[in-house]
């Protein structure tokens, strides 16, 4: 089992993951998407991303959280992956202080339909209060239940306005967002031009037919072709897995 090595931006046999992913990020911020995919493009195995994960991917996942003001996730992914309030260890809180970040890491759940269970582990009494982003037309009774355990932000009337959501979070000081999926949320953010970075782990396996990709939902308009070019700014390797850090070129 080999250790993590850097190929870009410069070759190195040892990598400080926090420094690698903090470079050109902390001072700029924005939305950073984090995904894992098999070599043949699958985003899940048996419906879950954990079938693709490697030890290195788990470390990168934690580092990207350490360098974020908030975790951004779609409600469907939060349900499937059993998200809970993020509770950081003493060591990780110290790392966040070192990089000038708050010691707590709230979770932001985006839900069009408000199919969110207020009894789930995301709404525990202790830990940072979860933020739910939804639309004005969502179910009012569910909204009322959620408002007792979470901060509910209304962004948009008939559909969730992701641009308005990002501005509302920035007003709360949450300017560095790590988006952990799902594919429909990522596609919406990318289509709206709201993604600054994509951190993509390429897992060294073939998942076979059937699984979705890191983008999902309705197809993009034809004029979207070529509107999201990527520049590879970082590349790590460990045990045949690749850890790519792309910057979207505006």
Protein backbone atom coordinates (compact mmCIF):
# COMPACT_ATOMS: atom_id res chain seq x y z
CA UNK A 1 0.00 0.00 0.00
CA UNK A 2 1.62 3.24 -1.14
CA UNK A 3 1.24 6.63 0.47
CA UNK A 4 -0.36 9.69 -1.10
CA UNK A 5 1.89 11.26 -3.76
CA UNK A 6 1.45 14.51 -5.68
CA UNK A 7 1.78 14.73 -9.45
CA UNK A 8 0.41 18.30 -9.78
CA UNK A 9 0.94 21.19 -9.26
CA UNK A 10 4.39 19.72 -8.66
CA UNK A 11 5.66 16.21 -8.02
CA UNK A 12 6.16 15.29 -4.36
CA UNK A 13 6.47 12.02 -2.47
CA UNK A 14 4.75 13.39 0.65
CA UNK A 15 1.63 15.53 0.67
CA UNK A 16 0.11 17.78 3.32
CA UNK A 17 -3.52 17.35 2.28
CA UNK A 18 -4.75 20.41 4.13
CA UNK A 19 -2.15 22.63 2.48
CA UNK A 20 -2.81 21.06 -0.92
CA UNK A 21 -6.54 21.75 -0.80
CA UNK A 22 -6.28 25.09 1.02
CA UNK A 23 -4.14 26.62 -1.74
CA UNK A 24 -6.15 29.18 -3.76
CA UNK A 25 -9.30 28.16 -1.86
CA UNK A 26 -9.46 29.79 1.55
CA UNK A 27 -8.90 33.28 0.19
CA UNK A 28 -11.36 32.83 -2.71
CA UNK A 29 -14.02 30.42 -1.43
CA UNK A 30 -17.20 29.63 -3.31
CA UNK A 31 -18.75 26.23 -3.98
CA UNK A 32 -16.44 23.23 -4.10
CA UNK A 33 -18.06 19.99 -5.23
CA UNK A 34 -16.65 16.70 -3.94
CA UNK A 35 -17.46 13.45 -5.74
CA UNK A 36 -16.13 9.97 -6.26
CA UNK A 37 -16.57 8.01 -9.49
CA UNK A 38 -15.46 4.63 -10.75
CA UNK A 39 -13.21 4.52 -13.80
CA UNK A 40 -16.28 3.70 -15.93
CA UNK A 41 -18.16 6.73 -14.62
CA UNK A 42 -20.42 5.26 -11.94
CA UNK A 43 -21.15 7.47 -8.93
CA UNK A 44 -22.52 4.66 -6.75
CA UNK A 45 -22.36 0.91 -6.19
CA UNK A 46 -25.66 -0.63 -5.06
CA UNK A 47 -27.04 2.89 -4.76
CA UNK A 48 -24.39 4.22 -2.34
CA UNK A 49 -21.08 6.00 -2.82
CA UNK A 50 -19.38 4.05 -0.05
CA UNK A 51 -18.90 1.07 -2.38
CA UNK A 52 -16.38 3.18 -4.32
CA UNK A 53 -14.51 4.74 -1.42
CA UNK A 54 -10.83 4.18 -0.68
CA UNK A 55 -8.87 5.10 2.47
CA UNK A 56 -7.39 8.05 0.61
CA UNK A 57 -10.81 9.24 -0.50
CA UNK A 58 -12.03 9.16 3.09
CA UNK A 59 -9.08 11.34 4.15
CA UNK A 60 -9.70 13.84 1.36
CA UNK A 61 -13.41 13.90 2.29
CA UNK A 62 -12.48 14.89 5.85
CA UNK A 63 -9.93 17.49 4.72
CA UNK A 64 -12.43 19.21 2.43
CA UNK A 65 -14.84 19.44 5.35
CA UNK A 66 -12.07 20.83 7.55
CA UNK A 67 -11.57 23.66 5.02
CA UNK A 68 -15.27 24.54 4.59
CA UNK A 69 -17.65 26.90 6.35
CA UNK A 70 -20.56 24.51 5.73
CA UNK A 71 -21.46 21.19 4.11
CA UNK A 72 -23.98 21.54 1.26
CA UNK A 73 -26.05 18.48 0.34
CA UNK A 74 -29.28 17.57 -1.40
CA UNK A 75 -32.05 16.07 0.73
CA UNK A 76 -32.05 12.77 -1.20
CA UNK A 77 -28.35 12.20 -0.64
CA UNK A 78 -28.71 13.18 3.02
CA UNK A 79 -31.36 10.46 3.43
CA UNK A 80 -29.54 7.72 1.50
CA UNK A 81 -26.15 8.35 3.08
CA UNK A 82 -27.67 8.89 6.57
CA UNK A 83 -26.24 12.31 7.23
CA UNK A 84 -26.04 13.54 10.80
CA UNK A 85 -24.91 16.70 12.56
CA UNK A 86 -21.15 17.08 12.03
CA UNK A 87 -19.27 16.74 15.31
CA UNK A 88 -15.57 17.45 14.95
CA UNK A 89 -12.82 16.04 17.12
CA UNK A 90 -10.56 18.28 19.20
CA UNK A 91 -7.78 17.80 16.64
CA UNK A 92 -9.96 18.79 13.71
CA UNK A 93 -11.28 21.84 15.54
CA UNK A 94 -7.65 22.88 16.11
CA UNK A 95 -6.94 22.44 12.39
CA UNK A 96 -9.87 24.68 11.56
CA UNK A 97 -8.61 27.35 13.95
CA UNK A 98 -5.19 27.16 12.29
CA UNK A 99 -6.80 27.99 8.94
CA UNK A 100 -8.95 30.76 10.40
CA UNK A 101 -12.25 28.87 10.29
CA UNK A 102 -15.00 28.55 12.88
CA UNK A 103 -14.80 25.43 15.05
CA UNK A 104 -18.29 24.27 14.08
CA UNK A 105 -19.38 22.93 10.69
CA UNK A 106 -23.12 23.25 9.95
CA UNK A 107 -24.90 21.19 7.31
CA UNK A 108 -27.06 22.88 4.66
CA UNK A 109 -29.77 20.66 3.15
CA UNK A 110 -31.39 21.71 -0.13
CA UNK A 111 -34.91 20.32 -0.55
CA UNK A 112 -37.45 21.19 -3.25
CA UNK A 113 -40.20 18.97 -1.84
CA UNK A 114 -39.32 19.16 1.89
CA UNK A 115 -39.24 15.39 2.20
CA UNK A 116 -37.06 15.85 5.24
CA UNK A 117 -37.64 14.05 8.52
CA UNK A 118 -37.30 16.52 11.44
CA UNK A 119 -36.57 13.51 13.70
CA UNK A 120 -33.44 12.51 11.76
CA UNK A 121 -29.91 12.77 13.12
CA UNK A 122 -29.43 15.97 11.13
CA UNK A 123 -31.57 17.79 13.64
CA UNK A 124 -30.02 16.69 16.91
CA UNK A 125 -30.33 19.07 19.84
CA UNK A 126 -26.55 19.30 20.28
CA UNK A 127 -24.10 20.42 17.64
CA UNK A 128 -24.38 23.12 14.96
CA UNK A 129 -27.96 23.85 13.87
CA UNK A 130 -28.77 22.47 10.42
CA UNK A 131 -29.95 24.87 7.71
CA UNK A 132 -32.70 23.79 5.31
CA UNK A 133 -33.10 25.61 2.00
CA UNK A 134 -36.43 25.25 0.23
CA UNK A 135 -39.01 27.16 -1.87
CA UNK A 136 -42.04 29.21 -0.84
CA UNK A 137 -44.45 26.68 -2.40
CA UNK A 138 -43.18 23.77 -0.26
CA UNK A 139 -45.50 22.06 2.23
CA UNK A 140 -46.25 24.59 4.98
CA UNK A 141 -46.97 22.02 7.69
CA UNK A 142 -43.62 20.27 7.17
CA UNK A 143 -41.91 23.64 7.07
CA UNK A 144 -43.42 24.53 10.44
CA UNK A 145 -42.13 21.29 11.97
CA UNK A 146 -38.64 21.86 10.58
CA UNK A 147 -38.49 25.43 11.85
CA UNK A 148 -38.55 24.10 15.42
CA UNK A 149 -35.32 22.12 14.87
CA UNK A 150 -33.55 23.90 11.99
CA UNK A 151 -33.05 27.27 10.32
CA UNK A 152 -35.29 27.24 7.23
CA UNK A 153 -34.39 29.62 4.40
CA UNK A 154 -36.90 30.32 1.62
CA UNK A 155 -35.04 30.84 -1.65
CA UNK A 156 -37.36 31.01 -4.63
CA UNK A 157 -41.11 30.68 -5.13
CA UNK A 158 -41.97 27.63 -7.27
CA UNK A 159 -38.43 26.24 -7.48
CA UNK A 160 -35.36 26.60 -5.26
CA UNK A 161 -33.23 29.49 -6.51
CA UNK A 162 -29.69 28.24 -5.95
CA UNK A 163 -28.16 31.65 -6.64
CA UNK A 164 -30.35 33.20 -3.96
CA UNK A 165 -29.44 30.34 -1.64
CA UNK A 166 -25.75 31.00 -2.06
CA UNK A 167 -26.25 34.69 -1.31
CA UNK A 168 -28.34 33.89 1.78
CA UNK A 169 -25.58 31.63 3.09
CA UNK A 170 -22.92 34.25 2.37
CA UNK A 171 -24.92 36.72 4.45
CA UNK A 172 -24.46 34.27 7.34
CA UNK A 173 -20.71 34.19 6.75
CA UNK A 174 -20.83 30.80 5.03
CA UNK A 175 -18.80 31.54 1.91
CA UNK A 176 -16.75 28.34 1.55
CA UNK A 177 -19.20 25.54 0.77
CA UNK A 178 -18.31 21.91 0.12
CA UNK A 179 -21.08 20.30 -1.92
CA UNK A 180 -21.21 16.54 -1.35
CA UNK A 181 -24.04 15.79 -3.79
CA UNK A 182 -26.20 14.52 -4.98
CA UNK A 183 -25.85 14.59 -8.76
CA UNK A 184 -29.03 16.63 -9.29
CA UNK A 185 -27.91 19.38 -6.92
CA UNK A 186 -24.45 19.45 -8.49
CA UNK A 187 -25.94 19.66 -11.98
CA UNK A 188 -28.15 22.57 -10.91
CA UNK A 189 -25.25 24.43 -9.34
CA UNK A 190 -23.02 23.87 -12.38
CA UNK A 191 -25.75 24.91 -14.82
CA UNK A 192 -26.26 28.11 -12.84
CA UNK A 193 -22.52 28.86 -12.92
CA UNK A 194 -22.20 28.56 -9.14
CA UNK A 195 -19.39 25.99 -8.88
CA UNK A 196 -15.78 27.10 -8.51
CA UNK A 197 -14.10 23.73 -7.97
CA UNK A 198 -14.65 20.03 -8.54
CA UNK A 199 -12.67 17.59 -6.42
CA UNK A 200 -13.08 14.20 -8.07
CA UNK A 201 -11.74 10.90 -6.81
CA UNK A 202 -11.40 8.29 -9.56
CA UNK A 203 -11.80 4.93 -7.84
CA UNK A 204 -9.78 2.11 -9.49
CA UNK A 205 -12.67 -0.21 -10.29
CA UNK A 206 -15.32 -0.95 -12.89
CA UNK A 207 -18.83 -0.66 -11.45
CA UNK A 208 -20.65 -1.97 -14.52
CA UNK A 209 -23.81 -0.70 -16.23
CA UNK A 210 -26.72 0.98 -14.53
CA UNK A 211 -25.32 3.53 -12.08
CA UNK A 212 -25.75 7.27 -12.58
CA UNK A 213 -23.03 9.86 -13.08
CA UNK A 214 -21.92 12.78 -10.93
CA UNK A 215 -24.49 14.95 -12.75
CA UNK A 216 -28.17 14.02 -12.79
CA UNK A 217 -31.66 15.35 -13.40
CA UNK A 218 -33.07 16.93 -16.58
CA UNK A 219 -30.75 17.31 -19.56
CA UNK A 220 -29.00 20.63 -20.06
CA UNK A 221 -29.94 22.96 -22.92
CA UNK A 222 -27.83 22.64 -26.08
CA UNK A 223 -26.23 26.03 -25.44
CA UNK A 224 -24.65 24.64 -22.24
CA UNK A 225 -22.13 22.70 -24.33
CA UNK A 226 -18.63 23.93 -23.58
CA UNK A 227 -19.77 26.36 -20.87
CA UNK A 228 -18.09 24.47 -18.01
CA UNK A 229 -14.46 23.91 -19.08
CA UNK A 230 -12.18 22.60 -16.35
CA UNK A 231 -8.53 23.25 -15.55
CA UNK A 232 -6.64 20.55 -13.65
CA UNK A 233 -4.90 22.33 -10.76
CA UNK A 234 -4.00 19.38 -8.55
CA UNK A 235 -3.51 15.65 -8.98
CA UNK A 236 -2.70 13.12 -6.26
CA UNK A 237 -2.38 9.36 -6.47
CA UNK A 238 -2.59 6.58 -3.89
CA UNK A 239 -3.06 2.85 -4.41
CA UNK A 240 -4.15 3.31 -8.07
CA UNK A 241 -6.82 5.89 -7.14
CA UNK A 242 -6.56 9.42 -8.56
CA UNK A 243 -7.55 12.56 -6.66
CA UNK A 244 -8.24 15.36 -9.13
CA UNK A 245 -8.71 18.99 -8.25
CA UNK A 246 -10.34 20.91 -11.09
CA UNK A 247 -11.03 24.63 -11.30
CA UNK A 248 -13.90 25.78 -13.47
CA UNK A 249 -12.72 28.28 -16.06
CA UNK A 250 -15.02 31.27 -16.39
